[in-house]
Amino acid sequence: MRRLPLLAAISALVASSALLSGCYTYPYGYPSTVSTPASFDRSWDAALGAANDAGVQVTSADRASGRIRGNKAGAAVYIDLNQQADGSLKVAFNAPDAKESNPTLQERWTAAYNRRMGR
């Protein structure tokens, strides 16, 4: 007679532990990627560093206007950083007269910029 309440208690304990095992949540949730706009300062520093990495000799850098000027093998180089209306930042590299033997200056600068931005 005394075994029936004990058996009922054990059954209830097993059933509740089985229910709770299905309710486990991961402490960190599901992995997700949150994209935040890059700050002007971080992008500015990355653009200057990337110019150096690509062999561009910077002749002037005006943070207020967002323009970096330089030259590479005698050709003018312009890097512009413009804040967009939606809060994003547009970074443009232009070397219209670059005629170096390896015409990948823009690609090298872009790769260096992305690397410095952690992309």
PDB file of N, CA and C in Angstrom:
ATOM      1  N   MET A   1       0.812  -1.183   0.000  1.00  0.00           N
ATOM      2  CA  MET A   1       0.000   0.000   0.000  1.00  0.00           C
ATOM      3  C   MET A   1       0.864   1.260   0.000  1.00  0.00           C
ATOM      4  N   ARG A   2       1.920   1.169   0.717  1.00  0.00           N
ATOM      5  CA  ARG A   2       2.771   2.329   0.834  1.00  0.00           C
ATOM      6  C   ARG A   2       3.575   2.546  -0.458  1.00  0.00           C
ATOM      7  N   ARG A   3       3.728   1.543  -1.265  1.00  0.00           N
ATOM      8  CA  ARG A   3       4.489   1.647  -2.515  1.00  0.00           C
ATOM      9  C   ARG A   3       3.755   2.454  -3.572  1.00  0.00           C
ATOM     10  N   LEU A   4       2.472   2.500  -3.549  1.00  0.00           N
ATOM     11  CA  LEU A   4       1.692   3.215  -4.558  1.00  0.00           C
ATOM     12  C   LEU A   4       1.961   4.721  -4.533  1.00  0.00           C
ATOM     13  N   PRO A   5       1.950   5.414  -3.384  1.00  0.00           N
ATOM     14  CA  PRO A   5       2.272   6.844  -3.386  1.00  0.00           C
ATOM     15  C   PRO A   5       3.727   7.102  -3.798  1.00  0.00           C
ATOM     16  N   LEU A   6       4.643   6.223  -3.387  1.00  0.00           N
ATOM     17  CA  LEU A   6       6.047   6.381  -3.761  1.00  0.00           C
ATOM     18  C   LEU A   6       6.221   6.212  -5.272  1.00  0.00           C
ATOM     19  N   LEU A   7       5.552   5.240  -5.844  1.00  0.00           N
ATOM     20  CA  LEU A   7       5.602   5.004  -7.277  1.00  0.00           C
ATOM     21  C   LEU A   7       4.987   6.187  -8.047  1.00  0.00           C
ATOM     22  N   ALA A   8       3.915   6.736  -7.518  1.00  0.00           N
ATOM     23  CA  ALA A   8       3.275   7.894  -8.146  1.00  0.00           C
ATOM     24  C   ALA A   8       4.207   9.103  -8.103  1.00  0.00           C
ATOM     25  N   ALA A   9       4.906   9.309  -7.007  1.00  0.00           N
ATOM     26  CA  ALA A   9       5.836  10.434  -6.875  1.00  0.00           C
ATOM     27  C   ALA A   9       7.001  10.291  -7.849  1.00  0.00           C
ATOM     28  N   ILE A  10       7.526   9.079  -7.991  1.00  0.00           N
ATOM     29  CA  ILE A  10       8.634   8.841  -8.923  1.00  0.00           C
ATOM     30  C   ILE A  10       8.169   9.047 -10.357  1.00  0.00           C
ATOM     31  N   SER A  11       6.963   8.594 -10.661  1.00  0.00           N
ATOM     32  CA  SER A  11       6.415   8.776 -12.011  1.00  0.00           C
ATOM     33  C   SER A  11       6.251  10.256 -12.328  1.00  0.00           C
ATOM     34  N   ALA A  12       5.770  11.018 -11.365  1.00  0.00           N
ATOM     35  CA  ALA A  12       5.593  12.452 -11.573  1.00  0.00           C
ATOM     36  C   ALA A  12       6.937  13.139 -11.776  1.00  0.00           C
ATOM     37  N   LEU A  13       7.950  12.731 -11.024  1.00  0.00           N
ATOM     38  CA  LEU A  13       9.284  13.297 -11.151  1.00  0.00           C
ATOM     39  C   LEU A  13       9.878  12.993 -12.528  1.00  0.00           C
ATOM     40  N   VAL A  14       9.743  11.777 -13.001  1.00  0.00           N
ATOM     41  CA  VAL A  14      10.240  11.378 -14.320  1.00  0.00           C
ATOM     42  C   VAL A  14       9.512  12.139 -15.416  1.00  0.00           C
ATOM     43  N   ALA A  15       8.216  12.261 -15.281  1.00  0.00           N
ATOM     44  CA  ALA A  15       7.425  12.966 -16.297  1.00  0.00           C
ATOM     45  C   ALA A  15       7.797  14.442 -16.350  1.00  0.00           C
ATOM     46  N   SER A  16       7.980  15.064 -15.192  1.00  0.00           N
ATOM     47  CA  SER A  16       8.327  16.492 -15.193  1.00  0.00           C
ATOM     48  C   SER A  16       9.730  16.712 -15.729  1.00  0.00           C
ATOM     49  N   SER A  17      10.668  15.823 -15.436  1.00  0.00           N
ATOM     50  CA  SER A  17      12.015  15.985 -15.982  1.00  0.00           C
ATOM     51  C   SER A  17      12.017  15.768 -17.489  1.00  0.00           C
ATOM     52  N   ALA A  18      11.170  14.885 -17.988  1.00  0.00           N
ATOM     53  CA  ALA A  18      11.063  14.670 -19.427  1.00  0.00           C
ATOM     54  C   ALA A  18      10.488  15.905 -20.101  1.00  0.00           C
ATOM     55  N   LEU A  19       9.531  16.557 -19.477  1.00  0.00           N
ATOM     56  CA  LEU A  19       8.954  17.780 -20.045  1.00  0.00           C
ATOM     57  C   LEU A  19       9.967  18.915 -20.040  1.00  0.00           C
ATOM     58  N   LEU A  20      10.706  19.044 -18.945  1.00  0.00           N
ATOM     59  CA  LEU A  20      11.682  20.123 -18.855  1.00  0.00           C
ATOM     60  C   LEU A  20      12.847  19.933 -19.818  1.00  0.00           C
ATOM     61  N   SER A  21      13.191  18.711 -20.122  1.00  0.00           N
ATOM     62  CA  SER A  21      14.305  18.482 -21.035  1.00  0.00           C
ATOM     63  C   SER A  21      13.992  18.994 -22.432  1.00  0.00           C
ATOM     64  N   GLY A  22      12.742  19.062 -22.804  1.00  0.00           N
ATOM     65  CA  GLY A  22      12.356  19.592 -24.112  1.00  0.00           C
ATOM     66  C   GLY A  22      12.303  21.101 -24.137  1.00  0.00           C
ATOM     67  N   CYS A  23      12.465  21.759 -22.996  1.00  0.00           N
ATOM     68  CA  CYS A  23      12.355  23.213 -22.921  1.00  0.00           C
ATOM     69  C   CYS A  23      13.704  23.895 -22.766  1.00  0.00           C
ATOM     70  N   TYR A  24      14.773  23.207 -23.015  1.00  0.00           N
ATOM     71  CA  TYR A  24      16.098  23.799 -22.857  1.00  0.00           C
ATOM     72  C   TYR A  24      16.315  24.880 -23.898  1.00  0.00           C
ATOM     73  N   THR A  25      16.803  26.028 -23.476  1.00  0.00           N
ATOM     74  CA  THR A  25      17.144  27.089 -24.417  1.00  0.00           C
ATOM     75  C   THR A  25      18.640  27.323 -24.342  1.00  0.00           C
ATOM     76  N   TYR A  26      19.214  27.642 -25.468  1.00  0.00           N
ATOM     77  CA  TYR A  26      20.646  27.906 -25.522  1.00  0.00           C
ATOM     78  C   TYR A  26      20.909  29.271 -24.900  1.00  0.00           C
ATOM     79  N   PRO A  27      21.926  29.373 -24.080  1.00  0.00           N
ATOM     80  CA  PRO A  27      22.154  30.634 -23.370  1.00  0.00           C
ATOM     81  C   PRO A  27      22.500  31.804 -24.295  1.00  0.00           C
ATOM     82  N   TYR A  28      23.005  31.532 -25.471  1.00  0.00           N
ATOM     83  CA  TYR A  28      23.419  32.611 -26.358  1.00  0.00           C
ATOM     84  C   TYR A  28      22.485  32.782 -27.546  1.00  0.00           C
ATOM     85  N   GLY A  29      21.429  32.043 -27.637  1.00  0.00           N
ATOM     86  CA  GLY A  29      20.501  32.167 -28.747  1.00  0.00           C
ATOM     87  C   GLY A  29      21.097  31.648 -30.040  1.00  0.00           C
ATOM     88  N   TYR A  30      20.437  31.933 -31.115  1.00  0.00           N
ATOM     89  CA  TYR A  30      20.915  31.517 -32.423  1.00  0.00           C
ATOM     90  C   TYR A  30      21.931  32.519 -32.935  1.00  0.00           C
ATOM     91  N   PRO A  31      22.942  32.045 -33.671  1.00  0.00           N
ATOM     92  CA  PRO A  31      23.920  32.989 -34.207  1.00  0.00           C
ATOM     93  C   PRO A  31      23.253  33.923 -35.212  1.00  0.00           C
ATOM     94  N   SER A  32      23.595  35.181 -35.120  1.00  0.00           N
ATOM     95  CA  SER A  32      23.043  36.142 -36.065  1.00  0.00           C
ATOM     96  C   SER A  32      24.111  37.176 -36.394  1.00  0.00           C
ATOM     97  N   THR A  33      23.957  37.794 -37.524  1.00  0.00           N
ATOM     98  CA  THR A  33      24.874  38.833 -37.945  1.00  0.00           C
ATOM     99  C   THR A  33      24.134  40.159 -37.926  1.00  0.00           C
ATOM    100  N   VAL A  34      24.698  41.113 -37.245  1.00  0.00           N
ATOM    101  CA  VAL A  34      24.112  42.439 -37.188  1.00  0.00           C
ATOM    102  C   VAL A  34      25.061  43.364 -37.924  1.00  0.00           C
ATOM    103  N   SER A  35      24.552  44.027 -38.915  1.00  0.00           N
ATOM    104  CA  SER A  35      25.370  44.930 -39.704  1.00  0.00           C
ATOM    105  C   SER A  35      25.119  46.358 -39.250  1.00  0.00           C
ATOM    106  N   THR A  36      26.169  47.011 -38.812  1.00  0.00           N
ATOM    107  CA  THR A  36      26.046  48.402 -38.410  1.00  0.00           C
ATOM    108  C   THR A  36      26.892  49.242 -39.344  1.00  0.00           C
ATOM    109  N   PRO A  37      26.451  50.433 -39.638  1.00  0.00           N
ATOM    110  CA  PRO A  37      27.235  51.280 -40.523  1.00  0.00           C
ATOM    111  C   PRO A  37      28.602  51.590 -39.916  1.00  0.00           C
ATOM    112  N   ALA A  38      29.605  51.618 -40.743  1.00  0.00           N
ATOM    113  CA  ALA A  38      30.944  51.948 -40.277  1.00  0.00           C
ATOM    114  C   ALA A  38      31.004  53.421 -39.905  1.00  0.00           C
ATOM    115  N   SER A  39      31.760  53.733 -38.878  1.00  0.00           N
ATOM    116  CA  SER A  39      31.895  55.131 -38.482  1.00  0.00           C
ATOM    117  C   SER A  39      32.795  55.853 -39.486  1.00  0.00           C
ATOM    118  N   PHE A  40      32.607  57.160 -39.573  1.00  0.00           N
ATOM    119  CA  PHE A  40      33.427  57.954 -40.484  1.00  0.00           C
ATOM    120  C   PHE A  40      34.895  57.855 -40.080  1.00  0.00           C
ATOM    121  N   ASP A  41      35.176  57.959 -38.785  1.00  0.00           N
ATOM    122  CA  ASP A  41      36.564  57.925 -38.325  1.00  0.00           C
ATOM    123  C   ASP A  41      37.256  56.611 -38.669  1.00  0.00           C
ATOM    124  N   ARG A  42      36.568  55.515 -38.461  1.00  0.00           N
ATOM    125  CA  ARG A  42      37.151  54.201 -38.771  1.00  0.00           C
ATOM    126  C   ARG A  42      37.391  54.071 -40.281  1.00  0.00           C
ATOM    127  N   SER A  43      36.420  54.502 -41.081  1.00  0.00           N
ATOM    128  CA  SER A  43      36.562  54.437 -42.538  1.00  0.00           C
ATOM    129  C   SER A  43      37.674  55.360 -43.018  1.00  0.00           C
ATOM    130  N   TRP A  44      37.780  56.538 -42.422  1.00  0.00           N
ATOM    131  CA  TRP A  44      38.825  57.494 -42.790  1.00  0.00           C
ATOM    132  C   TRP A  44      40.205  56.889 -42.534  1.00  0.00           C
ATOM    133  N   ASP A  45      40.383  56.329 -41.340  1.00  0.00           N
ATOM    134  CA  ASP A  45      41.666  55.711 -41.005  1.00  0.00           C
ATOM    135  C   ASP A  45      41.982  54.534 -41.927  1.00  0.00           C
ATOM    136  N   ALA A  46      40.964  53.734 -42.252  1.00  0.00           N
ATOM    137  CA  ALA A  46      41.163  52.593 -43.151  1.00  0.00           C
ATOM    138  C   ALA A  46      41.523  53.068 -44.553  1.00  0.00           C
ATOM    139  N   ALA A  47      40.893  54.147 -45.017  1.00  0.00           N
ATOM    140  CA  ALA A  47      41.178  54.675 -46.358  1.00  0.00           C
ATOM    141  C   ALA A  47      42.613  55.193 -46.439  1.00  0.00           C
ATOM    142  N   LEU A  48      43.057  55.914 -45.408  1.00  0.00           N
ATOM    143  CA  LEU A  48      44.439  56.406 -45.386  1.00  0.00           C
ATOM    144  C   LEU A  48      45.434  55.247 -45.336  1.00  0.00           C
ATOM    145  N   GLY A  49      45.170  54.277 -44.498  1.00  0.00           N
ATOM    146  CA  GLY A  49      46.056  53.122 -44.392  1.00  0.00           C
ATOM    147  C   GLY A  49      46.093  52.315 -45.676  1.00  0.00           C
ATOM    148  N   ALA A  50      44.942  52.163 -46.316  1.00  0.00           N
ATOM    149  CA  ALA A  50      44.871  51.407 -47.570  1.00  0.00           C
ATOM    150  C   ALA A  50      45.642  52.129 -48.674  1.00  0.00           C
ATOM    151  N   ALA A  51      45.595  53.458 -48.675  1.00  0.00           N
ATOM    152  CA  ALA A  51      46.370  54.217 -49.663  1.00  0.00           C
ATOM    153  C   ALA A  51      47.853  53.916 -49.483  1.00  0.00           C
ATOM    154  N   ASN A  52      48.304  53.919 -48.256  1.00  0.00           N
ATOM    155  CA  ASN A  52      49.703  53.591 -47.976  1.00  0.00           C
ATOM    156  C   ASN A  52      50.025  52.162 -48.403  1.00  0.00           C
ATOM    157  N   ASP A  53      49.121  51.221 -48.085  1.00  0.00           N
ATOM    158  CA  ASP A  53      49.331  49.812 -48.453  1.00  0.00           C
ATOM    159  C   ASP A  53      49.451  49.639 -49.965  1.00  0.00           C
ATOM    160  N   ALA A  54      48.699  50.444 -50.731  1.00  0.00           N
ATOM    161  CA  ALA A  54      48.691  50.327 -52.189  1.00  0.00           C
ATOM    162  C   ALA A  54      49.813  51.135 -52.835  1.00  0.00           C
ATOM    163  N   GLY A  55      50.624  51.812 -52.021  1.00  0.00           N
ATOM    164  CA  GLY A  55      51.748  52.570 -52.556  1.00  0.00           C
ATOM    165  C   GLY A  55      51.393  53.969 -53.008  1.00  0.00           C
ATOM    166  N   VAL A  56      50.244  54.482 -52.568  1.00  0.00           N
ATOM    167  CA  VAL A  56      49.845  55.850 -52.913  1.00  0.00           C
ATOM    168  C   VAL A  56      50.523  56.802 -51.941  1.00  0.00           C
ATOM    169  N   GLN A  57      51.191  57.830 -52.484  1.00  0.00           N
ATOM    170  CA  GLN A  57      51.803  58.848 -51.644  1.00  0.00           C
ATOM    171  C   GLN A  57      50.746  59.921 -51.386  1.00  0.00           C
ATOM    172  N   VAL A  58      50.263  60.003 -50.158  1.00  0.00           N
ATOM    173  CA  VAL A  58      49.216  60.970 -49.796  1.00  0.00           C
ATOM    174  C   VAL A  58      49.842  62.354 -49.716  1.00  0.00           C
ATOM    175  N   THR A  59      49.254  63.310 -50.456  1.00  0.00           N
ATOM    176  CA  THR A  59      49.751  64.686 -50.453  1.00  0.00           C
ATOM    177  C   THR A  59      48.876  65.600 -49.609  1.00  0.00           C
ATOM    178  N   SER A  60      47.596  65.280 -49.470  1.00  0.00           N
ATOM    179  CA  SER A  60      46.720  66.051 -48.590  1.00  0.00           C
ATOM    180  C   SER A  60      45.559  65.171 -48.140  1.00  0.00           C
ATOM    181  N   ALA A  61      45.101  65.445 -46.933  1.00  0.00           N
ATOM    182  CA  ALA A  61      43.980  64.699 -46.374  1.00  0.00           C
ATOM    183  C   ALA A  61      43.121  65.681 -45.581  1.00  0.00           C
ATOM    184  N   ASP A  62      41.954  66.006 -46.106  1.00  0.00           N
ATOM    185  CA  ASP A  62      41.045  66.952 -45.471  1.00  0.00           C
ATOM    186  C   ASP A  62      39.849  66.193 -44.913  1.00  0.00           C
ATOM    187  N   ARG A  63      39.901  65.910 -43.626  1.00  0.00           N
ATOM    188  CA  ARG A  63      38.847  65.124 -42.977  1.00  0.00           C
ATOM    189  C   ARG A  63      37.493  65.829 -43.076  1.00  0.00           C
ATOM    190  N   ALA A  64      37.463  67.155 -42.960  1.00  0.00           N
ATOM    191  CA  ALA A  64      36.197  67.899 -42.988  1.00  0.00           C
ATOM    192  C   ALA A  64      35.464  67.729 -44.319  1.00  0.00           C
ATOM    193  N   SER A  65      36.205  67.712 -45.415  1.00  0.00           N
ATOM    194  CA  SER A  65      35.568  67.535 -46.725  1.00  0.00           C
ATOM    195  C   SER A  65      35.475  66.066 -47.116  1.00  0.00           C
ATOM    196  N   GLY A  66      36.219  65.214 -46.422  1.00  0.00           N
ATOM    197  CA  GLY A  66      36.204  63.792 -46.729  1.00  0.00           C
ATOM    198  C   GLY A  66      37.035  63.429 -47.948  1.00  0.00           C
ATOM    199  N   ARG A  67      38.031  64.250 -48.286  1.00  0.00           N
ATOM    200  CA  ARG A  67      38.833  63.998 -49.484  1.00  0.00           C
ATOM    201  C   ARG A  67      40.297  63.761 -49.137  1.00  0.00           C
ATOM    202  N   ILE A  68      40.819  62.696 -49.730  1.00  0.00           N
ATOM    203  CA  ILE A  68      42.242  62.372 -49.615  1.00  0.00           C
ATOM    204  C   ILE A  68      42.820  62.480 -51.025  1.00  0.00           C
ATOM    205  N   ARG A  69      43.919  63.201 -51.164  1.00  0.00           N
ATOM    206  CA  ARG A  69      44.585  63.341 -52.463  1.00  0.00           C
ATOM    207  C   ARG A  69      45.985  62.771 -52.349  1.00  0.00           C
ATOM    208  N   GLY A  70      46.410  62.208 -53.444  1.00  0.00           N
ATOM    209  CA  GLY A  70      47.756  61.662 -53.479  1.00  0.00           C
ATOM    210  C   GLY A  70      48.176  61.377 -54.900  1.00  0.00           C
ATOM    211  N   ASN A  71      49.284  60.658 -55.043  1.00  0.00           N
ATOM    212  CA  ASN A  71      49.720  60.253 -56.376  1.00  0.00           C
ATOM    213  C   ASN A  71      50.417  58.908 -56.297  1.00  0.00           C
ATOM    214  N   LYS A  72      50.380  58.243 -57.401  1.00  0.00           N
ATOM    215  CA  LYS A  72      51.024  56.934 -57.554  1.00  0.00           C
ATOM    216  C   LYS A  72      51.655  56.911 -58.928  1.00  0.00           C
ATOM    217  N   ALA A  73      52.955  56.791 -58.973  1.00  0.00           N
ATOM    218  CA  ALA A  73      53.706  56.766 -60.232  1.00  0.00           C
ATOM    219  C   ALA A  73      53.374  57.971 -61.098  1.00  0.00           C
ATOM    220  N   GLY A  74      53.250  59.139 -60.466  1.00  0.00           N
ATOM    221  CA  GLY A  74      52.992  60.377 -61.196  1.00  0.00           C
ATOM    222  C   GLY A  74      51.540  60.637 -61.534  1.00  0.00           C
ATOM    223  N   ALA A  75      50.649  59.726 -61.241  1.00  0.00           N
ATOM    224  CA  ALA A  75      49.227  59.903 -61.551  1.00  0.00           C
ATOM    225  C   ALA A  75      48.470  60.347 -60.303  1.00  0.00           C
ATOM    226  N   ALA A  76      47.518  61.259 -60.500  1.00  0.00           N
ATOM    227  CA  ALA A  76      46.703  61.757 -59.390  1.00  0.00           C
ATOM    228  C   ALA A  76      45.759  60.669 -58.885  1.00  0.00           C
ATOM    229  N   VAL A  77      45.582  60.638 -57.578  1.00  0.00           N
ATOM    230  CA  VAL A  77      44.688  59.688 -56.928  1.00  0.00           C
ATOM    231  C   VAL A  77      43.773  60.480 -55.999  1.00  0.00           C
ATOM    232  N   TYR A  78      42.466  60.168 -56.051  1.00  0.00           N
ATOM    233  CA  TYR A  78      41.481  60.819 -55.185  1.00  0.00           C
ATOM    234  C   TYR A  78      40.681  59.751 -54.448  1.00  0.00           C
ATOM    235  N   ILE A  79      40.523  59.958 -53.153  1.00  0.00           N
ATOM    236  CA  ILE A  79      39.686  59.079 -52.343  1.00  0.00           C
ATOM    237  C   ILE A  79      38.677  59.980 -51.642  1.00  0.00           C
ATOM    238  N   ASP A  80      37.407  59.701 -51.858  1.00  0.00           N
ATOM    239  CA  ASP A  80      36.343  60.517 -51.274  1.00  0.00           C
ATOM    240  C   ASP A  80      35.484  59.690 -50.333  1.00  0.00           C
ATOM    241  N   LEU A  81      35.186  60.242 -49.161  1.00  0.00           N
ATOM    242  CA  LEU A  81      34.282  59.633 -48.198  1.00  0.00           C
ATOM    243  C   LEU A  81      33.101  60.576 -48.027  1.00  0.00           C
ATOM    244  N   ASN A  82      31.915  60.112 -48.383  1.00  0.00           N
ATOM    245  CA  ASN A  82      30.712  60.945 -48.326  1.00  0.00           C
ATOM    246  C   ASN A  82      29.630  60.284 -47.494  1.00  0.00           C
ATOM    247  N   GLN A  83      29.118  61.030 -46.512  1.00  0.00           N
ATOM    248  CA  GLN A  83      28.006  60.546 -45.697  1.00  0.00           C
ATOM    249  C   GLN A  83      26.732  60.635 -46.532  1.00  0.00           C
ATOM    250  N   GLN A  84      25.986  59.537 -46.616  1.00  0.00           N
ATOM    251  CA  GLN A  84      24.751  59.484 -47.394  1.00  0.00           C
ATOM    252  C   GLN A  84      23.552  59.865 -46.512  1.00  0.00           C
ATOM    253  N   ALA A  85      22.446  60.203 -47.144  1.00  0.00           N
ATOM    254  CA  ALA A  85      21.240  60.613 -46.419  1.00  0.00           C
ATOM    255  C   ALA A  85      20.711  59.513 -45.506  1.00  0.00           C
ATOM    256  N   ASP A  86      20.911  58.247 -45.886  1.00  0.00           N
ATOM    257  CA  ASP A  86      20.404  57.137 -45.066  1.00  0.00           C
ATOM    258  C   ASP A  86      21.353  56.759 -43.925  1.00  0.00           C
ATOM    259  N   GLY A  87      22.422  57.538 -43.740  1.00  0.00           N
ATOM    260  CA  GLY A  87      23.363  57.269 -42.656  1.00  0.00           C
ATOM    261  C   GLY A  87      24.543  56.412 -43.067  1.00  0.00           C
ATOM    262  N   SER A  88      24.498  55.823 -44.256  1.00  0.00           N
ATOM    263  CA  SER A  88      25.620  55.008 -44.720  1.00  0.00           C
ATOM    264  C   SER A  88      26.749  55.916 -45.207  1.00  0.00           C
ATOM    265  N   LEU A  89      27.876  55.312 -45.456  1.00  0.00           N
ATOM    266  CA  LEU A  89      29.045  56.050 -45.891  1.00  0.00           C
ATOM    267  C   LEU A  89      29.490  55.515 -47.242  1.00  0.00           C
ATOM    268  N   LYS A  90      29.654  56.400 -48.198  1.00  0.00           N
ATOM    269  CA  LYS A  90      30.122  56.002 -49.526  1.00  0.00           C
ATOM    270  C   LYS A  90      31.607  56.345 -49.610  1.00  0.00           C
ATOM    271  N   VAL A  91      32.410  55.337 -49.945  1.00  0.00           N
ATOM    272  CA  VAL A  91      33.847  55.526 -50.093  1.00  0.00           C
ATOM    273  C   VAL A  91      34.193  55.247 -51.546  1.00  0.00           C
ATOM    274  N   ALA A  92      34.802  56.233 -52.201  1.00  0.00           N
ATOM    275  CA  ALA A  92      35.121  56.101 -53.630  1.00  0.00           C
ATOM    276  C   ALA A  92      36.615  56.340 -53.855  1.00  0.00           C
ATOM    277  N   PHE A  93      37.199  55.519 -54.704  1.00  0.00           N
ATOM    278  CA  PHE A  93      38.602  55.620 -55.088  1.00  0.00           C
ATOM    279  C   PHE A  93      38.650  55.932 -56.564  1.00  0.00           C
ATOM    280  N   ASN A  94      39.454  56.931 -56.930  1.00  0.00           N
ATOM    281  CA  ASN A  94      39.531  57.313 -58.332  1.00  0.00           C
ATOM    282  C   ASN A  94      40.978  57.654 -58.680  1.00  0.00           C
ATOM    283  N   ALA A  95      41.493  56.999 -59.691  1.00  0.00           N
ATOM    284  CA  ALA A  95      42.832  57.278 -60.206  1.00  0.00           C
ATOM    285  C   ALA A  95      42.727  57.323 -61.724  1.00  0.00           C
ATOM    286  N   PRO A  96      42.158  58.408 -62.258  1.00  0.00           N
ATOM    287  CA  PRO A  96      41.833  58.444 -63.696  1.00  0.00           C
ATOM    288  C   PRO A  96      43.026  58.346 -64.634  1.00  0.00           C
ATOM    289  N   ASP A  97      44.187  58.803 -64.197  1.00  0.00           N
ATOM    290  CA  ASP A  97      45.338  58.814 -65.095  1.00  0.00           C
ATOM    291  C   ASP A  97      46.386  57.759 -64.761  1.00  0.00           C
ATOM    292  N   ALA A  98      46.045  56.802 -63.922  1.00  0.00           N
ATOM    293  CA  ALA A  98      47.019  55.773 -63.535  1.00  0.00           C
ATOM    294  C   ALA A  98      47.335  54.880 -64.726  1.00  0.00           C
ATOM    295  N   LYS A  99      48.602  54.849 -65.098  1.00  0.00           N
ATOM    296  CA  LYS A  99      49.028  54.035 -66.229  1.00  0.00           C
ATOM    297  C   LYS A  99      50.203  53.164 -65.810  1.00  0.00           C
ATOM    298  N   GLU A 100      50.154  52.642 -64.598  1.00  0.00           N
ATOM    299  CA  GLU A 100      51.263  51.831 -64.133  1.00  0.00           C
ATOM    300  C   GLU A 100      51.281  50.493 -64.853  1.00  0.00           C
ATOM    301  N   SER A 101      52.404  49.817 -64.789  1.00  0.00           N
ATOM    302  CA  SER A 101      52.548  48.561 -65.527  1.00  0.00           C
ATOM    303  C   SER A 101      51.569  47.499 -65.043  1.00  0.00           C
ATOM    304  N   ASN A 102      51.153  47.551 -63.792  1.00  0.00           N
ATOM    305  CA  ASN A 102      50.155  46.625 -63.273  1.00  0.00           C
ATOM    306  C   ASN A 102      48.894  47.447 -62.985  1.00  0.00           C
ATOM    307  N   PRO A 103      47.953  47.501 -63.923  1.00  0.00           N
ATOM    308  CA  PRO A 103      46.813  48.422 -63.797  1.00  0.00           C
ATOM    309  C   PRO A 103      45.733  47.963 -62.809  1.00  0.00           C
ATOM    310  N   THR A 104      46.159  47.499 -61.657  1.00  0.00           N
ATOM    311  CA  THR A 104      45.193  47.031 -60.661  1.00  0.00           C
ATOM    312  C   THR A 104      45.245  47.884 -59.399  1.00  0.00           C
ATOM    313  N   LEU A 105      45.609  49.143 -59.534  1.00  0.00           N
ATOM    314  CA  LEU A 105      45.738  50.018 -58.376  1.00  0.00           C
ATOM    315  C   LEU A 105      44.427  50.100 -57.601  1.00  0.00           C
ATOM    316  N   GLN A 106      43.327  50.276 -58.295  1.00  0.00           N
ATOM    317  CA  GLN A 106      42.036  50.378 -57.611  1.00  0.00           C
ATOM    318  C   GLN A 106      41.705  49.075 -56.874  1.00  0.00           C
ATOM    319  N   GLU A 107      41.964  47.930 -57.506  1.00  0.00           N
ATOM    320  CA  GLU A 107      41.684  46.648 -56.857  1.00  0.00           C
ATOM    321  C   GLU A 107      42.567  46.435 -55.632  1.00  0.00           C
ATOM    322  N   ARG A 108      43.847  46.831 -55.727  1.00  0.00           N
ATOM    323  CA  ARG A 108      44.748  46.687 -54.578  1.00  0.00           C
ATOM    324  C   ARG A 108      44.313  47.594 -53.432  1.00  0.00           C
ATOM    325  N   TRP A 109      43.926  48.837 -53.767  1.00  0.00           N
ATOM    326  CA  TRP A 109      43.474  49.749 -52.720  1.00  0.00           C
ATOM    327  C   TRP A 109      42.187  49.224 -52.080  1.00  0.00           C
ATOM    328  N   THR A 110      41.246  48.760 -52.898  1.00  0.00           N
ATOM    329  CA  THR A 110      39.977  48.241 -52.377  1.00  0.00           C
ATOM    330  C   THR A 110      40.206  47.039 -51.473  1.00  0.00           C
ATOM    331  N   ALA A 111      41.089  46.132 -51.875  1.00  0.00           N
ATOM    332  CA  ALA A 111      41.388  44.959 -51.053  1.00  0.00           C
ATOM    333  C   ALA A 111      42.018  45.378 -49.725  1.00  0.00           C
ATOM    334  N   ALA A 112      42.929  46.345 -49.768  1.00  0.00           N
ATOM    335  CA  ALA A 112      43.562  46.822 -48.541  1.00  0.00           C
ATOM    336  C   ALA A 112      42.542  47.514 -47.639  1.00  0.00           C
ATOM    337  N   TYR A 113      41.639  48.297 -48.229  1.00  0.00           N
ATOM    338  CA  TYR A 113      40.596  48.981 -47.451  1.00  0.00           C
ATOM    339  C   TYR A 113      39.686  47.956 -46.771  1.00  0.00           C
ATOM    340  N   ASN A 114      39.224  46.973 -47.530  1.00  0.00           N
ATOM    341  CA  ASN A 114      38.348  45.945 -46.958  1.00  0.00           C
ATOM    342  C   ASN A 114      39.050  45.166 -45.851  1.00  0.00           C
ATOM    343  N   ARG A 115      40.309  44.863 -46.040  1.00  0.00           N
ATOM    344  CA  ARG A 115      41.069  44.143 -45.022  1.00  0.00           C
ATOM    345  C   ARG A 115      41.159  44.978 -43.744  1.00  0.00           C
ATOM    346  N   ARG A 116      41.431  46.254 -43.885  1.00  0.00           N
ATOM    347  CA  ARG A 116      41.531  47.141 -42.721  1.00  0.00           C
ATOM    348  C   ARG A 116      40.180  47.348 -42.040  1.00  0.00           C
ATOM    349  N   MET A 117      39.089  47.197 -42.797  1.00  0.00           N
ATOM    350  CA  MET A 117      37.748  47.323 -42.217  1.00  0.00           C
ATOM    351  C   MET A 117      37.263  45.997 -41.637  1.00  0.00           C
ATOM    352  N   GLY A 118      38.072  44.948 -41.774  1.00  0.00           N
ATOM    353  CA  GLY A 118      37.708  43.653 -41.220  1.00  0.00           C
ATOM    354  C   GLY A 118      36.705  42.885 -42.056  1.00  0.00           C
ATOM    355  N   ARG A 119      36.701  43.146 -43.329  1.00  0.00           N
ATOM    356  CA  ARG A 119      35.758  42.457 -44.239  1.00  0.00           C
ATOM    357  C   ARG A 119      36.438  41.339 -44.964  1.00  0.00           C
TER     358      ARG A 119
END
